[in-house]
PDB file of all heavy atoms in Angstrom:
ATOM      1  N   LEU A   1       0.703  -5.708   5.934  1.00  0.00           N
ATOM      2  CA  LEU A   1       0.723  -4.171   5.936  1.00  0.00           C
ATOM      3  C   LEU A   1       0.607  -3.689   7.354  1.00  0.00           C
ATOM      4  O   LEU A   1       1.304  -2.831   7.880  1.00  0.00           O
ATOM      5  CB  LEU A   1      -0.235  -3.652   5.089  1.00  0.00           C
ATOM      6  CG  LEU A   1      -0.362  -2.043   5.129  1.00  0.00           C
ATOM      7  CD1 LEU A   1       0.958  -1.422   4.612  1.00  0.00           C
ATOM      8  CD2 LEU A   1      -1.406  -1.591   4.101  1.00  0.00           C
ATOM      9  N   ASP A   2      -0.404  -4.182   8.163  1.00  0.00           N
ATOM     10  CA  ASP A   2      -0.763  -3.725   9.435  1.00  0.00           C
ATOM     11  C   ASP A   2       0.365  -3.983  10.510  1.00  0.00           C
ATOM     12  O   ASP A   2       0.330  -3.289  11.515  1.00  0.00           O
ATOM     13  CB  ASP A   2      -2.102  -4.170   9.808  1.00  0.00           C
ATOM     14  CG  ASP A   2      -3.260  -3.640   9.027  1.00  0.00           C
ATOM     15  OD1 ASP A   2      -3.084  -2.641   8.401  1.00  0.00           O
ATOM     16  OD2 ASP A   2      -4.312  -4.335   8.990  1.00  0.00           O
ATOM     17  N   SER A   3       1.242  -4.929  10.244  1.00  0.00           N
ATOM     18  CA  SER A   3       2.282  -5.299  11.199  1.00  0.00           C
ATOM     19  C   SER A   3       3.537  -4.446  10.787  1.00  0.00           C
ATOM     20  O   SER A   3       4.501  -4.596  11.532  1.00  0.00           O
ATOM     21  CB  SER A   3       2.591  -6.734  11.191  1.00  0.00           C
ATOM     22  OG  SER A   3       2.984  -7.136   9.928  1.00  0.00           O
ATOM     23  N   ALA A   4       3.527  -3.610   9.741  1.00  0.00           N
ATOM     24  CA  ALA A   4       4.673  -2.815   9.332  1.00  0.00           C
ATOM     25  C   ALA A   4       4.770  -1.626  10.264  1.00  0.00           C
ATOM     26  O   ALA A   4       3.726  -1.020  10.699  1.00  0.00           O
ATOM     27  CB  ALA A   4       4.670  -2.467   7.895  1.00  0.00           C
ATOM     28  N   GLU A   5       6.029  -1.204  10.543  1.00  0.00           N
ATOM     29  CA  GLU A   5       6.133   0.102  11.213  1.00  0.00           C
ATOM     30  C   GLU A   5       5.721   1.163  10.308  1.00  0.00           C
ATOM     31  O   GLU A   5       5.746   1.189   9.234  1.00  0.00           O
ATOM     32  CB  GLU A   5       7.588   0.257  11.576  1.00  0.00           C
ATOM     33  CG  GLU A   5       8.257  -0.752  12.480  1.00  0.00           C
ATOM     34  CD  GLU A   5       7.685  -0.654  13.852  1.00  0.00           C
ATOM     35  OE1 GLU A   5       7.339   0.495  14.338  1.00  0.00           O
ATOM     36  OE2 GLU A   5       7.618  -1.674  14.566  1.00  0.00           O
ATOM     37  N   GLN A   6       5.275   2.263  11.130  1.00  0.00           N
ATOM     38  CA  GLN A   6       4.908   3.517  10.303  1.00  0.00           C
ATOM     39  C   GLN A   6       6.192   4.163   9.731  1.00  0.00           C
ATOM     40  O   GLN A   6       7.200   3.963  10.287  1.00  0.00           O
ATOM     41  CB  GLN A   6       4.368   4.535  11.215  1.00  0.00           C
ATOM     42  CG  GLN A   6       2.947   4.244  11.679  1.00  0.00           C
ATOM     43  CD  GLN A   6       2.135   5.428  12.169  1.00  0.00           C
ATOM     44  OE1 GLN A   6       2.478   6.031  13.122  1.00  0.00           O
ATOM     45  NE2 GLN A   6       1.050   5.839  11.586  1.00  0.00           N
ATOM     46  N   ALA A   7       6.101   4.794   8.636  1.00  0.00           N
ATOM     47  CA  ALA A   7       7.222   5.205   7.813  1.00  0.00           C
ATOM     48  C   ALA A   7       6.982   6.598   7.327  1.00  0.00           C
ATOM     49  O   ALA A   7       5.899   7.009   6.909  1.00  0.00           O
ATOM     50  CB  ALA A   7       7.468   4.206   6.723  1.00  0.00           C
ATOM     51  N   ASP A   8       8.110   7.330   7.056  1.00  0.00           N
ATOM     52  CA  ASP A   8       8.075   8.686   6.361  1.00  0.00           C
ATOM     53  C   ASP A   8       7.676   8.401   4.918  1.00  0.00           C
ATOM     54  O   ASP A   8       7.059   9.466   4.358  1.00  0.00           O
ATOM     55  CB  ASP A   8       9.348   9.235   6.442  1.00  0.00           C
ATOM     56  CG  ASP A   8       9.770   9.598   7.948  1.00  0.00           C
ATOM     57  OD1 ASP A   8       8.947  10.004   8.706  1.00  0.00           O
ATOM     58  OD2 ASP A   8      11.006   9.518   8.214  1.00  0.00           O
ATOM     59  N   LEU A   9       8.039   7.447   4.328  1.00  0.00           N
ATOM     60  CA  LEU A   9       7.761   7.090   2.921  1.00  0.00           C
ATOM     61  C   LEU A   9       7.184   5.730   2.783  1.00  0.00           C
ATOM     62  O   LEU A   9       7.743   4.748   3.395  1.00  0.00           O
ATOM     63  CB  LEU A   9       9.037   7.193   2.011  1.00  0.00           C
ATOM     64  CG  LEU A   9       9.790   8.569   1.961  1.00  0.00           C
ATOM     65  CD1 LEU A   9      11.125   8.381   1.326  1.00  0.00           C
ATOM     66  CD2 LEU A   9       9.010   9.564   1.352  1.00  0.00           C
ATOM     67  N   VAL A  10       6.078   5.571   2.018  1.00  0.00           N
ATOM     68  CA  VAL A  10       5.451   4.373   1.667  1.00  0.00           C
ATOM     69  C   VAL A  10       5.369   4.251   0.109  1.00  0.00           C
ATOM     70  O   VAL A  10       4.778   5.128  -0.454  1.00  0.00           O
ATOM     71  CB  VAL A  10       4.121   3.990   2.332  1.00  0.00           C
ATOM     72  CG1 VAL A  10       3.438   2.694   1.881  1.00  0.00           C
ATOM     73  CG2 VAL A  10       4.274   4.065   3.913  1.00  0.00           C
ATOM     74  N   PHE A  11       6.014   3.212  -0.410  1.00  0.00           N
ATOM     75  CA  PHE A  11       6.015   2.981  -1.867  1.00  0.00           C
ATOM     76  C   PHE A  11       5.063   1.832  -2.149  1.00  0.00           C
ATOM     77  O   PHE A  11       5.217   0.750  -1.642  1.00  0.00           O
ATOM     78  CB  PHE A  11       7.349   2.675  -2.424  1.00  0.00           C
ATOM     79  CG  PHE A  11       8.320   3.832  -2.259  1.00  0.00           C
ATOM     80  CD1 PHE A  11       9.073   3.909  -1.068  1.00  0.00           C
ATOM     81  CD2 PHE A  11       8.442   4.794  -3.122  1.00  0.00           C
ATOM     82  CE1 PHE A  11      10.010   4.924  -0.819  1.00  0.00           C
ATOM     83  CE2 PHE A  11       9.385   5.889  -2.912  1.00  0.00           C
ATOM     84  CZ  PHE A  11      10.106   5.966  -1.795  1.00  0.00           C
ATOM     85  N   VAL A  12       4.136   1.919  -3.123  1.00  0.00           N
ATOM     86  CA  VAL A  12       3.321   0.860  -3.633  1.00  0.00           C
ATOM     87  C   VAL A  12       3.638   0.555  -5.020  1.00  0.00           C
ATOM     88  O   VAL A  12       3.504   1.367  -5.954  1.00  0.00           O
ATOM     89  CB  VAL A  12       1.821   1.199  -3.495  1.00  0.00           C
ATOM     90  CG1 VAL A  12       1.006   0.032  -4.003  1.00  0.00           C
ATOM     91  CG2 VAL A  12       1.450   1.476  -2.008  1.00  0.00           C
ATOM     92  N   ASP A  13       4.136  -0.633  -5.367  1.00  0.00           N
ATOM     93  CA  ASP A  13       4.522  -0.986  -6.650  1.00  0.00           C
ATOM     94  C   ASP A  13       4.470  -2.571  -6.808  1.00  0.00           C
ATOM     95  O   ASP A  13       5.337  -3.357  -6.836  1.00  0.00           O
ATOM     96  CB  ASP A  13       6.100  -0.591  -6.951  1.00  0.00           C
ATOM     97  CG  ASP A  13       6.415  -0.744  -8.375  1.00  0.00           C
ATOM     98  OD1 ASP A  13       5.533  -1.013  -9.298  1.00  0.00           O
ATOM     99  OD2 ASP A  13       7.616  -0.596  -8.656  1.00  0.00           O
ATOM    100  N   LEU A  14       3.076  -2.950  -6.843  1.00  0.00           N
ATOM    101  CA  LEU A  14       2.705  -4.369  -6.823  1.00  0.00           C
ATOM    102  C   LEU A  14       2.160  -4.736  -8.129  1.00  0.00           C
ATOM    103  O   LEU A  14       0.979  -4.584  -8.474  1.00  0.00           O
ATOM    104  CB  LEU A  14       1.698  -4.539  -5.726  1.00  0.00           C
ATOM    105  CG  LEU A  14       2.043  -4.217  -4.228  1.00  0.00           C
ATOM    106  CD1 LEU A  14       0.820  -4.125  -3.289  1.00  0.00           C
ATOM    107  CD2 LEU A  14       3.091  -5.103  -3.808  1.00  0.00           C
ATOM    108  N   TYR A  15       2.952  -5.479  -8.894  1.00  0.00           N
ATOM    109  CA  TYR A  15       2.624  -5.837 -10.238  1.00  0.00           C
ATOM    110  C   TYR A  15       2.874  -7.355 -10.415  1.00  0.00           C
ATOM    111  O   TYR A  15       3.746  -7.921  -9.922  1.00  0.00           O
ATOM    112  CB  TYR A  15       3.381  -5.099 -11.229  1.00  0.00           C
ATOM    113  CG  TYR A  15       2.768  -3.575 -11.527  1.00  0.00           C
ATOM    114  CD1 TYR A  15       3.207  -2.737 -10.711  1.00  0.00           C
ATOM    115  CD2 TYR A  15       1.867  -3.438 -12.544  1.00  0.00           C
ATOM    116  CE1 TYR A  15       2.621  -1.433 -10.804  1.00  0.00           C
ATOM    117  CE2 TYR A  15       1.347  -2.163 -12.712  1.00  0.00           C
ATOM    118  CZ  TYR A  15       1.806  -1.102 -11.895  1.00  0.00           C
ATOM    119  OH  TYR A  15       1.246   0.139 -12.031  1.00  0.00           O
ATOM    120  N   THR A  16       2.032  -8.007 -11.278  1.00  0.00           N
ATOM    121  CA  THR A  16       2.147  -9.402 -11.602  1.00  0.00           C
ATOM    122  C   THR A  16       2.438  -9.370 -13.085  1.00  0.00           C
ATOM    123  O   THR A  16       2.521  -8.446 -13.719  1.00  0.00           O
ATOM    124  CB  THR A  16       0.819 -10.202 -11.370  1.00  0.00           C
ATOM    125  OG1 THR A  16      -0.178  -9.777 -12.248  1.00  0.00           O
ATOM    126  CG2 THR A  16       0.303  -9.928  -9.938  1.00  0.00           C
ATOM    127  N   ASP A  17       2.506 -10.649 -13.726  1.00  0.00           N
ATOM    128  CA  ASP A  17       2.696 -10.742 -15.117  1.00  0.00           C
ATOM    129  C   ASP A  17       1.476 -10.298 -15.948  1.00  0.00           C
ATOM    130  O   ASP A  17       1.645 -10.150 -17.172  1.00  0.00           O
ATOM    131  CB  ASP A  17       3.200 -12.160 -15.500  1.00  0.00           C
ATOM    132  CG  ASP A  17       2.129 -13.177 -15.040  1.00  0.00           C
ATOM    133  OD1 ASP A  17       1.271 -12.910 -14.305  1.00  0.00           O
ATOM    134  OD2 ASP A  17       2.260 -14.357 -15.451  1.00  0.00           O
ATOM    135  N   VAL A  18       0.451 -10.011 -15.336  1.00  0.00           N
ATOM    136  CA  VAL A  18      -0.754  -9.525 -16.080  1.00  0.00           C
ATOM    137  C   VAL A  18      -1.126  -8.097 -15.794  1.00  0.00           C
ATOM    138  O   VAL A  18      -2.096  -7.614 -16.219  1.00  0.00           O
ATOM    139  CB  VAL A  18      -1.921 -10.418 -15.904  1.00  0.00           C
ATOM    140  CG1 VAL A  18      -1.666 -11.763 -16.490  1.00  0.00           C
ATOM    141  CG2 VAL A  18      -2.348 -10.628 -14.460  1.00  0.00           C
ATOM    142  N   GLY A  19      -0.316  -7.443 -14.887  1.00  0.00           N
ATOM    143  CA  GLY A  19      -0.654  -5.960 -14.672  1.00  0.00           C
ATOM    144  C   GLY A  19      -0.610  -5.694 -13.209  1.00  0.00           C
ATOM    145  O   GLY A  19      -0.113  -6.538 -12.289  1.00  0.00           O
ATOM    146  N   PRO A  20      -1.260  -4.582 -12.820  1.00  0.00           N
ATOM    147  CA  PRO A  20      -1.399  -4.159 -11.419  1.00  0.00           C
ATOM    148  C   PRO A  20      -1.979  -5.242 -10.506  1.00  0.00           C
ATOM    149  O   PRO A  20      -3.073  -5.843 -10.955  1.00  0.00           O
ATOM    150  CB  PRO A  20      -2.135  -2.890 -11.444  1.00  0.00           C
ATOM    151  CG  PRO A  20      -2.238  -2.485 -12.817  1.00  0.00           C
ATOM    152  CD  PRO A  20      -2.065  -3.649 -13.717  1.00  0.00           C
ATOM    153  N   ALA A  21      -1.555  -5.523  -9.448  1.00  0.00           N
ATOM    154  CA  ALA A  21      -2.255  -6.270  -8.452  1.00  0.00           C
ATOM    155  C   ALA A  21      -3.566  -5.735  -8.023  1.00  0.00           C
ATOM    156  O   ALA A  21      -3.711  -4.455  -8.162  1.00  0.00           O
ATOM    157  CB  ALA A  21      -1.311  -6.641  -7.274  1.00  0.00           C
ATOM    158  N   PRO A  22      -4.559  -6.491  -7.583  1.00  0.00           N
ATOM    159  CA  PRO A  22      -5.801  -5.808  -7.214  1.00  0.00           C
ATOM    160  C   PRO A  22      -5.711  -4.839  -6.190  1.00  0.00           C
ATOM    161  O   PRO A  22      -6.630  -3.852  -6.106  1.00  0.00           O
ATOM    162  CB  PRO A  22      -6.684  -7.036  -6.629  1.00  0.00           C
ATOM    163  CG  PRO A  22      -6.087  -8.334  -7.318  1.00  0.00           C
ATOM    164  CD  PRO A  22      -4.575  -7.920  -7.545  1.00  0.00           C
ATOM    165  N   ALA A  23      -4.653  -4.840  -5.360  1.00  0.00           N
ATOM    166  CA  ALA A  23      -4.548  -3.886  -4.232  1.00  0.00           C
ATOM    167  C   ALA A  23      -4.385  -2.445  -4.824  1.00  0.00           C
ATOM    168  O   ALA A  23      -4.689  -1.410  -4.169  1.00  0.00           O
ATOM    169  CB  ALA A  23      -3.248  -4.240  -3.489  1.00  0.00           C
ATOM    170  N   HIS A  24      -3.990  -2.266  -6.097  1.00  0.00           N
ATOM    171  CA  HIS A  24      -3.734  -0.983  -6.609  1.00  0.00           C
ATOM    172  C   HIS A  24      -5.050  -0.321  -6.764  1.00  0.00           C
ATOM    173  O   HIS A  24      -5.101   0.967  -6.928  1.00  0.00           O
ATOM    174  CB  HIS A  24      -3.063  -1.033  -8.009  1.00  0.00           C
ATOM    175  CG  HIS A  24      -1.611  -1.124  -7.984  1.00  0.00           C
ATOM    176  ND1 HIS A  24      -0.766  -0.068  -8.253  1.00  0.00           N
ATOM    177  CD2 HIS A  24      -0.864  -2.151  -7.673  1.00  0.00           C
ATOM    178  CE1 HIS A  24       0.439  -0.416  -8.097  1.00  0.00           C
ATOM    179  NE2 HIS A  24       0.486  -1.607  -7.745  1.00  0.00           N
ATOM    180  N   LEU A  25      -6.198  -0.966  -6.806  1.00  0.00           N
ATOM    181  CA  LEU A  25      -7.488  -0.432  -6.870  1.00  0.00           C
ATOM    182  C   LEU A  25      -8.391  -0.745  -5.770  1.00  0.00           C
ATOM    183  O   LEU A  25      -9.654  -0.652  -5.874  1.00  0.00           O
ATOM    184  CB  LEU A  25      -8.167  -0.817  -8.287  1.00  0.00           C
ATOM    185  CG  LEU A  25      -7.481  -0.267  -9.472  1.00  0.00           C
ATOM    186  CD1 LEU A  25      -8.105  -0.829 -10.786  1.00  0.00           C
ATOM    187  CD2 LEU A  25      -7.612   1.308  -9.566  1.00  0.00           C
ATOM    188  N   ALA A  26      -7.837  -1.151  -4.676  1.00  0.00           N
ATOM    189  CA  ALA A  26      -8.639  -1.587  -3.519  1.00  0.00           C
ATOM    190  C   ALA A  26      -8.706  -0.366  -2.475  1.00  0.00           C
ATOM    191  O   ALA A  26      -7.633  -0.043  -1.958  1.00  0.00           O
ATOM    192  CB  ALA A  26      -8.087  -2.812  -2.857  1.00  0.00           C
ATOM    193  N   TRP A  27      -9.838   0.244  -2.322  1.00  0.00           N
ATOM    194  CA  TRP A  27      -9.922   1.405  -1.480  1.00  0.00           C
ATOM    195  C   TRP A  27      -9.389   1.148  -0.124  1.00  0.00           C
ATOM    196  O   TRP A  27      -8.593   1.968   0.341  1.00  0.00           O
ATOM    197  CB  TRP A  27     -11.476   1.788  -1.405  1.00  0.00           C
ATOM    198  CG  TRP A  27     -11.832   2.871  -0.487  1.00  0.00           C
ATOM    199  CD1 TRP A  27     -11.674   3.116   0.870  1.00  0.00           C
ATOM    200  CD2 TRP A  27     -12.362   4.164  -1.030  1.00  0.00           C
ATOM    201  NE1 TRP A  27     -12.092   4.252   1.256  1.00  0.00           N
ATOM    202  CE2 TRP A  27     -12.526   4.976   0.130  1.00  0.00           C
ATOM    203  CE3 TRP A  27     -12.673   4.675  -2.229  1.00  0.00           C
ATOM    204  CZ2 TRP A  27     -13.062   6.368   0.076  1.00  0.00           C
ATOM    205  CZ3 TRP A  27     -13.192   6.026  -2.309  1.00  0.00           C
ATOM    206  CH2 TRP A  27     -13.348   6.802  -1.234  1.00  0.00           C
ATOM    207  N   ARG A  28      -9.819   0.163   0.494  1.00  0.00           N
ATOM    208  CA  ARG A  28      -9.399  -0.232   1.865  1.00  0.00           C
ATOM    209  C   ARG A  28      -7.873  -0.405   2.035  1.00  0.00           C
ATOM    210  O   ARG A  28      -7.241   0.157   2.962  1.00  0.00           O
ATOM    211  CB  ARG A  28     -10.029  -1.434   2.448  1.00  0.00           C
ATOM    212  CG  ARG A  28      -9.789  -1.770   3.892  1.00  0.00           C
ATOM    213  CD  ARG A  28     -10.146  -0.744   4.953  1.00  0.00           C
ATOM    214  NE  ARG A  28      -9.693  -1.123   6.317  1.00  0.00           N
ATOM    215  CZ  ARG A  28      -9.119  -0.265   7.210  1.00  0.00           C
ATOM    216  NH1 ARG A  28      -8.953   1.012   6.778  1.00  0.00           N
ATOM    217  NH2 ARG A  28      -8.742  -0.639   8.247  1.00  0.00           N
ATOM    218  N   PHE A  29      -7.297  -1.079   1.092  1.00  0.00           N
ATOM    219  CA  PHE A  29      -5.898  -1.342   0.984  1.00  0.00           C
ATOM    220  C   PHE A  29      -5.110   0.068   0.934  1.00  0.00           C
ATOM    221  O   PHE A  29      -4.216   0.315   1.752  1.00  0.00           O
ATOM    222  CB  PHE A  29      -5.409  -2.194  -0.008  1.00  0.00           C
ATOM    223  CG  PHE A  29      -3.990  -2.480  -0.117  1.00  0.00           C
ATOM    224  CD1 PHE A  29      -3.305  -3.259   0.845  1.00  0.00           C
ATOM    225  CD2 PHE A  29      -3.170  -1.781  -1.143  1.00  0.00           C
ATOM    226  CE1 PHE A  29      -1.871  -3.471   0.705  1.00  0.00           C
ATOM    227  CE2 PHE A  29      -1.795  -2.020  -1.099  1.00  0.00           C
ATOM    228  CZ  PHE A  29      -1.223  -2.793  -0.272  1.00  0.00           C
ATOM    229  N   LEU A  30      -5.463   0.849   0.032  1.00  0.00           N
ATOM    230  CA  LEU A  30      -4.841   2.180  -0.173  1.00  0.00           C
ATOM    231  C   LEU A  30      -4.962   3.024   1.031  1.00  0.00           C
ATOM    232  O   LEU A  30      -4.036   3.790   1.384  1.00  0.00           O
ATOM    233  CB  LEU A  30      -5.238   2.777  -1.520  1.00  0.00           C
ATOM    234  CG  LEU A  30      -4.884   2.041  -2.714  1.00  0.00           C
ATOM    235  CD1 LEU A  30      -5.567   2.704  -3.930  1.00  0.00           C
ATOM    236  CD2 LEU A  30      -3.364   2.053  -2.943  1.00  0.00           C
ATOM    237  N   GLU A  31      -6.126   2.924   1.577  1.00  0.00           N
ATOM    238  CA  GLU A  31      -6.379   3.815   2.831  1.00  0.00           C
ATOM    239  C   GLU A  31      -5.564   3.450   3.948  1.00  0.00           C
ATOM    240  O   GLU A  31      -4.891   4.110   4.706  1.00  0.00           O
ATOM    241  CB  GLU A  31      -7.841   3.499   3.262  1.00  0.00           C
ATOM    242  CG  GLU A  31      -8.386   4.392   4.247  1.00  0.00           C
ATOM    243  CD  GLU A  31      -9.835   4.197   4.528  1.00  0.00           C
ATOM    244  OE1 GLU A  31     -10.326   2.964   4.716  1.00  0.00           O
ATOM    245  OE2 GLU A  31     -10.585   5.164   4.546  1.00  0.00           O
ATOM    246  N   ARG A  32      -5.273   1.986   4.074  1.00  0.00           N
ATOM    247  CA  ARG A  32      -4.407   1.523   5.009  1.00  0.00           C
ATOM    248  C   ARG A  32      -2.928   1.874   4.748  1.00  0.00           C
ATOM    249  O   ARG A  32      -2.162   2.087   5.688  1.00  0.00           O
ATOM    250  CB  ARG A  32      -4.508  -0.015   5.133  1.00  0.00           C
ATOM    251  CG  ARG A  32      -5.825  -0.474   5.787  1.00  0.00           C
ATOM    252  CD  ARG A  32      -6.198  -1.954   5.556  1.00  0.00           C
ATOM    253  NE  ARG A  32      -5.030  -2.763   5.905  1.00  0.00           N
ATOM    254  CZ  ARG A  32      -4.680  -3.907   5.266  1.00  0.00           C
ATOM    255  NH1 ARG A  32      -5.342  -4.211   4.111  1.00  0.00           N
ATOM    256  NH2 ARG A  32      -3.688  -4.639   5.690  1.00  0.00           N
ATOM    257  N   CYS A  33      -2.525   1.943   3.496  1.00  0.00           N
ATOM    258  CA  CYS A  33      -1.181   2.366   3.057  1.00  0.00           C
ATOM    259  C   CYS A  33      -0.998   3.796   3.563  1.00  0.00           C
ATOM    260  O   CYS A  33       0.046   4.016   4.232  1.00  0.00           O
ATOM    261  CB  CYS A  33      -1.024   2.355   1.578  1.00  0.00           C
ATOM    262  SG  CYS A  33      -0.867   0.597   0.970  1.00  0.00           S
ATOM    263  N   GLN A  34      -1.969   4.601   3.373  1.00  0.00           N
ATOM    264  CA  GLN A  34      -1.802   6.108   3.786  1.00  0.00           C
ATOM    265  C   GLN A  34      -1.784   6.104   5.388  1.00  0.00           C
ATOM    266  O   GLN A  34      -0.996   6.936   5.921  1.00  0.00           O
ATOM    267  CB  GLN A  34      -2.981   6.870   3.303  1.00  0.00           C
ATOM    268  CG  GLN A  34      -2.833   8.320   3.483  1.00  0.00           C
ATOM    269  CD  GLN A  34      -3.990   9.198   3.016  1.00  0.00           C
ATOM    270  OE1 GLN A  34      -5.143   8.653   3.058  1.00  0.00           O
ATOM    271  NE2 GLN A  34      -3.727  10.378   2.436  1.00  0.00           N
ATOM    272  N   ALA A  35      -2.431   5.238   5.975  1.00  0.00           N
ATOM    273  CA  ALA A  35      -2.557   5.218   7.523  1.00  0.00           C
ATOM    274  C   ALA A  35      -1.069   4.808   8.045  1.00  0.00           C
ATOM    275  O   ALA A  35      -0.820   5.023   9.189  1.00  0.00           O
ATOM    276  CB  ALA A  35      -3.544   4.318   7.992  1.00  0.00           C
ATOM    277  N   ARG A  36      -0.263   4.119   7.242  1.00  0.00           N
ATOM    278  CA  ARG A  36       0.959   3.671   7.703  1.00  0.00           C
ATOM    279  C   ARG A  36       2.042   4.769   7.723  1.00  0.00           C
ATOM    280  O   ARG A  36       3.146   4.625   8.258  1.00  0.00           O
ATOM    281  CB  ARG A  36       1.590   2.579   6.730  1.00  0.00           C
ATOM    282  CG  ARG A  36       1.021   1.243   6.863  1.00  0.00           C
ATOM    283  CD  ARG A  36       1.314   0.584   8.241  1.00  0.00           C
ATOM    284  NE  ARG A  36       0.356   0.778   9.266  1.00  0.00           N
ATOM    285  CZ  ARG A  36       0.572   0.675  10.521  1.00  0.00           C
ATOM    286  NH1 ARG A  36       1.700   0.314  11.043  1.00  0.00           N
ATOM    287  NH2 ARG A  36      -0.341   0.868  11.395  1.00  0.00           N
ATOM    288  N   LEU A  37       1.690   5.963   7.207  1.00  0.00           N
ATOM    289  CA  LEU A  37       2.547   7.105   7.108  1.00  0.00           C
ATOM    290  C   LEU A  37       2.747   7.725   8.509  1.00  0.00           C
ATOM    291  O   LEU A  37       1.863   7.971   9.264  1.00  0.00           O
ATOM    292  CB  LEU A  37       2.038   8.147   6.107  1.00  0.00           C
ATOM    293  CG  LEU A  37       2.002   7.756   4.624  1.00  0.00           C
ATOM    294  CD1 LEU A  37       1.411   8.827   3.823  1.00  0.00           C
ATOM    295  CD2 LEU A  37       3.575   7.549   4.114  1.00  0.00           C
ATOM    296  N   ALA A  38       4.043   8.057   8.815  1.00  0.00           N
ATOM    297  CA  ALA A  38       4.225   8.849  10.029  1.00  0.00           C
ATOM    298  C   ALA A  38       3.904  10.365   9.627  1.00  0.00           C
ATOM    299  O   ALA A  38       3.601  10.651   8.475  1.00  0.00           O
ATOM    300  CB  ALA A  38       5.832   8.827  10.399  1.00  0.00           C
ATOM    301  N   GLU A  39       3.804  11.150  10.678  1.00  0.00           N
ATOM    302  CA  GLU A  39       3.429  12.477  10.576  1.00  0.00           C
ATOM    303  C   GLU A  39       4.389  13.156   9.473  1.00  0.00           C
ATOM    304  O   GLU A  39       5.592  13.008   9.465  1.00  0.00           O
ATOM    305  CB  GLU A  39       3.523  13.233  11.776  1.00  0.00           C
ATOM    306  CG  GLU A  39       3.084  14.726  11.675  1.00  0.00           C
ATOM    307  CD  GLU A  39       3.117  15.419  13.053  1.00  0.00           C
ATOM    308  OE1 GLU A  39       3.356  14.692  14.044  1.00  0.00           O
ATOM    309  OE2 GLU A  39       2.768  16.638  13.046  1.00  0.00           O
TER     310      GLU A  39
END
């Protein structure tokens, strides 16, 4: 994630065969996703 370019849109859709990946409920990960957004 941290090596990705900033973007106007960031989509999170991370699922395994047993449901959402842990990232869907990880405070720091979701915070970093928001930080990847351009203005």
